[in-house]
Amino acid sequence: MDGRKDDERDARIAERAYQLWEEDGRPEGLAEEHWMRAERESRDVDADPAEAIAFPDEP
């Protein structure tokens, strides 16, 4: 991947991780867990977009 695609992917993961954190009630100390969950979802989307959970455009 080029730098721009990496940046876009990281931004998408960060946004999803934030959404997961909010959905979980904004717990302290779980940033890495939320990031990893969002990263897994991103990989799923990249592997099979028809089967994966899409990233919503709006919260």
N, C-alpha and C. Protein backbone atom coordinates (compact mmCIF):
# COMPACT_ATOMS: atom_id res chain seq x y z
N MET A 1 0.83 -1.19 0.00
CA MET A 1 0.00 0.00 0.00
C MET A 1 0.87 1.24 0.00
N ASP A 2 0.34 2.26 -0.65
CA ASP A 2 1.08 3.51 -0.62
C ASP A 2 0.70 4.28 0.64
N GLY A 3 1.42 5.34 0.91
CA GLY A 3 1.22 6.12 2.12
C GLY A 3 -0.17 6.70 2.25
N ARG A 4 -0.72 7.17 1.15
CA ARG A 4 -2.05 7.78 1.20
C ARG A 4 -3.11 6.73 1.54
N LYS A 5 -3.01 5.55 0.94
CA LYS A 5 -3.96 4.48 1.24
C LYS A 5 -3.82 4.04 2.69
N ASP A 6 -2.60 3.97 3.18
CA ASP A 6 -2.37 3.63 4.59
C ASP A 6 -3.02 4.66 5.50
N ASP A 7 -2.87 5.93 5.17
CA ASP A 7 -3.46 7.01 5.96
C ASP A 7 -4.98 6.93 5.95
N GLU A 8 -5.55 6.65 4.78
CA GLU A 8 -7.01 6.53 4.67
C GLU A 8 -7.51 5.35 5.48
N ARG A 9 -6.80 4.23 5.39
CA ARG A 9 -7.17 3.03 6.14
C ARG A 9 -7.09 3.30 7.63
N ASP A 10 -6.01 3.93 8.08
CA ASP A 10 -5.85 4.24 9.50
C ASP A 10 -6.95 5.19 9.98
N ALA A 11 -7.32 6.15 9.17
CA ALA A 11 -8.39 7.09 9.54
C ALA A 11 -9.72 6.35 9.66
N ARG A 12 -9.98 5.42 8.75
CA ARG A 12 -11.20 4.63 8.80
C ARG A 12 -11.22 3.75 10.05
N ILE A 13 -10.08 3.14 10.36
CA ILE A 13 -9.99 2.31 11.56
C ILE A 13 -10.17 3.15 12.81
N ALA A 14 -9.54 4.32 12.85
CA ALA A 14 -9.67 5.21 14.01
C ALA A 14 -11.11 5.62 14.23
N GLU A 15 -11.81 5.94 13.16
CA GLU A 15 -13.21 6.34 13.27
C GLU A 15 -14.06 5.18 13.81
N ARG A 16 -13.83 3.99 13.28
CA ARG A 16 -14.59 2.82 13.73
C ARG A 16 -14.23 2.48 15.18
N ALA A 17 -12.97 2.57 15.55
CA ALA A 17 -12.56 2.30 16.93
C ALA A 17 -13.26 3.26 17.89
N TYR A 18 -13.37 4.51 17.49
CA TYR A 18 -14.07 5.50 18.30
C TYR A 18 -15.54 5.13 18.45
N GLN A 19 -16.16 4.69 17.36
CA GLN A 19 -17.56 4.27 17.42
C GLN A 19 -17.74 3.08 18.37
N LEU A 20 -16.83 2.13 18.28
CA LEU A 20 -16.90 0.96 19.16
C LEU A 20 -16.74 1.38 20.62
N TRP A 21 -15.82 2.30 20.89
CA TRP A 21 -15.60 2.81 22.24
C TRP A 21 -16.86 3.47 22.77
N GLU A 22 -17.50 4.28 21.94
CA GLU A 22 -18.74 4.93 22.36
C GLU A 22 -19.85 3.89 22.61
N GLU A 23 -19.97 2.92 21.72
CA GLU A 23 -20.98 1.88 21.87
C GLU A 23 -20.78 1.07 23.15
N ASP A 24 -19.53 0.91 23.56
CA ASP A 24 -19.20 0.16 24.77
C ASP A 24 -19.31 1.00 26.04
N GLY A 25 -19.76 2.24 25.92
CA GLY A 25 -19.94 3.09 27.09
C GLY A 25 -18.73 3.90 27.47
N ARG A 26 -17.81 4.10 26.53
CA ARG A 26 -16.60 4.91 26.73
C ARG A 26 -15.73 4.45 27.89
N PRO A 27 -15.41 3.15 27.95
CA PRO A 27 -14.59 2.65 29.05
C PRO A 27 -13.14 3.12 28.94
N GLU A 28 -12.51 3.28 30.07
CA GLU A 28 -11.10 3.67 30.12
C GLU A 28 -10.21 2.45 29.88
N GLY A 29 -9.08 2.66 29.23
CA GLY A 29 -8.05 1.63 29.11
C GLY A 29 -8.28 0.56 28.07
N LEU A 30 -9.24 0.73 27.18
CA LEU A 30 -9.50 -0.30 26.18
C LEU A 30 -9.26 0.17 24.75
N ALA A 31 -8.48 1.21 24.61
CA ALA A 31 -8.22 1.77 23.27
C ALA A 31 -7.63 0.73 22.33
N GLU A 32 -6.68 -0.06 22.82
CA GLU A 32 -6.04 -1.07 21.97
C GLU A 32 -7.05 -2.13 21.52
N GLU A 33 -7.92 -2.55 22.43
CA GLU A 33 -8.94 -3.54 22.09
C GLU A 33 -9.87 -3.00 21.01
N HIS A 34 -10.31 -1.75 21.16
CA HIS A 34 -11.20 -1.16 20.17
C HIS A 34 -10.48 -1.01 18.83
N TRP A 35 -9.23 -0.61 18.85
CA TRP A 35 -8.46 -0.48 17.62
C TRP A 35 -8.36 -1.84 16.92
N MET A 36 -8.05 -2.89 17.69
CA MET A 36 -7.89 -4.21 17.09
C MET A 36 -9.21 -4.72 16.51
N ARG A 37 -10.31 -4.47 17.19
CA ARG A 37 -11.63 -4.86 16.66
C ARG A 37 -11.91 -4.13 15.35
N ALA A 38 -11.64 -2.84 15.33
CA ALA A 38 -11.87 -2.05 14.12
C ALA A 38 -10.94 -2.51 12.99
N GLU A 39 -9.72 -2.84 13.34
CA GLU A 39 -8.76 -3.33 12.34
C GLU A 39 -9.23 -4.66 11.75
N ARG A 40 -9.73 -5.55 12.59
CA ARG A 40 -10.26 -6.83 12.10
C ARG A 40 -11.43 -6.59 11.15
N GLU A 41 -12.32 -5.70 11.53
CA GLU A 41 -13.46 -5.38 10.64
C GLU A 41 -12.96 -4.84 9.31
N SER A 42 -11.94 -4.00 9.36
CA SER A 42 -11.39 -3.44 8.13
C SER A 42 -10.81 -4.53 7.24
N ARG A 43 -10.10 -5.47 7.84
CA ARG A 43 -9.56 -6.59 7.06
C ARG A 43 -10.68 -7.40 6.44
N ASP A 44 -11.76 -7.60 7.21
CA ASP A 44 -12.90 -8.35 6.68
C ASP A 44 -13.51 -7.64 5.49
N VAL A 45 -13.64 -6.32 5.59
CA VAL A 45 -14.19 -5.53 4.48
C VAL A 45 -13.29 -5.66 3.26
N ASP A 46 -11.98 -5.58 3.47
CA ASP A 46 -11.04 -5.69 2.35
C ASP A 46 -11.07 -7.09 1.73
N ALA A 47 -11.27 -8.12 2.56
CA ALA A 47 -11.25 -9.49 2.07
C ALA A 47 -12.53 -9.87 1.34
N ASP A 48 -13.68 -9.47 1.88
CA ASP A 48 -14.96 -9.84 1.29
C ASP A 48 -16.00 -8.78 1.60
N PRO A 49 -16.04 -7.73 0.81
CA PRO A 49 -16.96 -6.62 1.09
C PRO A 49 -18.42 -7.03 1.18
N ALA A 50 -18.83 -8.06 0.47
CA ALA A 50 -20.23 -8.48 0.49
C ALA A 50 -20.61 -9.12 1.83
N GLU A 51 -19.66 -9.71 2.52
CA GLU A 51 -19.94 -10.42 3.77
C GLU A 51 -19.62 -9.60 5.01
N ALA A 52 -18.86 -8.55 4.88
CA ALA A 52 -18.36 -7.80 6.03
C ALA A 52 -19.31 -6.70 6.48
N ILE A 53 -19.08 -6.23 7.69
CA ILE A 53 -19.81 -5.09 8.23
C ILE A 53 -19.22 -3.84 7.58
N ALA A 54 -20.05 -3.04 6.99
CA ALA A 54 -19.59 -1.81 6.35
C ALA A 54 -19.39 -0.73 7.39
N PHE A 55 -18.49 0.19 7.11
CA PHE A 55 -18.28 1.33 7.98
C PHE A 55 -19.33 2.38 7.63
N PRO A 56 -20.15 2.74 8.58
CA PRO A 56 -21.18 3.75 8.29
C PRO A 56 -20.56 5.13 8.05
N ASP A 57 -21.22 5.89 7.21
CA ASP A 57 -20.75 7.25 6.94
C ASP A 57 -21.14 8.20 8.06
N GLU A 58 -22.20 7.86 8.77
CA GLU A 58 -22.68 8.71 9.84
C GLU A 58 -22.73 7.93 11.14
N PRO A 59 -22.45 8.59 12.25
CA PRO A 59 -22.52 7.89 13.54
C PRO A 59 -23.92 7.47 13.90
